Amino acid sequence: MAKDPICGMMVDERNAKFTSVHGGKTWYFCSSGCKATFERNPSRYAK
């Protein structure tokens, strides 16, 4: 399980519908809204 960096929800990497790659790492999201928030300013959330 991966933690959504926006809302903190746990997301199953195998079934995740929303992902983004930043800094050579794949980030997993619970929703399109969390993904969009991350992609507007990834360096703020990619820690």
Protein backbone atom coordinates (compact mmCIF):
# COMPACT_ATOMS: atom_id res chain seq x y z
CA MET A 1 0.00 0.00 0.00
CA ALA A 2 1.11 3.52 -0.80
CA LYS A 3 0.03 6.70 0.98
CA ASP A 4 -1.65 9.35 -1.15
CA PRO A 5 0.61 12.39 -0.60
CA ILE A 6 -2.34 14.80 -0.74
CA CYS A 7 -5.01 13.33 1.55
CA GLY A 8 -3.09 10.56 3.30
CA MET A 9 -5.41 7.77 2.19
CA MET A 10 -3.79 4.36 1.66
CA VAL A 11 -3.89 3.25 -2.01
CA ASP A 12 -3.24 -0.25 -3.35
CA GLU A 13 -0.50 0.17 -5.97
CA ARG A 14 -1.76 -2.85 -7.93
CA ASN A 15 -5.22 -1.35 -8.45
CA ALA A 16 -4.47 2.38 -8.45
CA LYS A 17 -6.27 4.24 -11.25
CA PHE A 18 -4.45 7.52 -10.65
CA THR A 19 -0.64 7.73 -10.74
CA SER A 20 2.01 10.28 -11.54
CA VAL A 21 5.78 10.03 -11.94
CA HIS A 22 7.92 12.71 -10.33
CA GLY A 23 11.59 12.59 -9.42
CA GLY A 24 11.91 9.06 -10.74
CA LYS A 25 9.24 7.79 -8.34
CA THR A 26 5.67 6.72 -9.03
CA TRP A 27 3.13 8.44 -6.79
CA TYR A 28 -0.31 6.91 -6.18
CA PHE A 29 -3.59 8.78 -5.64
CA CYS A 30 -7.09 7.90 -4.46
CA SER A 31 -8.79 10.27 -6.92
CA SER A 32 -8.29 12.46 -9.95
CA GLY A 33 -8.61 15.51 -7.69
CA CYS A 34 -5.66 14.47 -5.52
CA LYS A 35 -3.62 13.70 -8.64
CA ALA A 36 -4.42 17.12 -10.14
CA THR A 37 -3.46 18.89 -6.90
CA PHE A 38 -0.12 17.03 -6.84
CA GLU A 39 0.63 17.77 -10.50
CA ARG A 40 0.06 21.52 -10.05
CA ASN A 41 2.98 21.66 -7.58
CA PRO A 42 4.67 18.25 -7.15
CA SER A 43 7.73 19.52 -5.30
CA ARG A 44 5.45 20.71 -2.48
CA TYR A 45 4.11 17.19 -1.84
CA ALA A 46 6.93 14.88 -3.00
CA LYS A 47 8.80 14.36 0.25
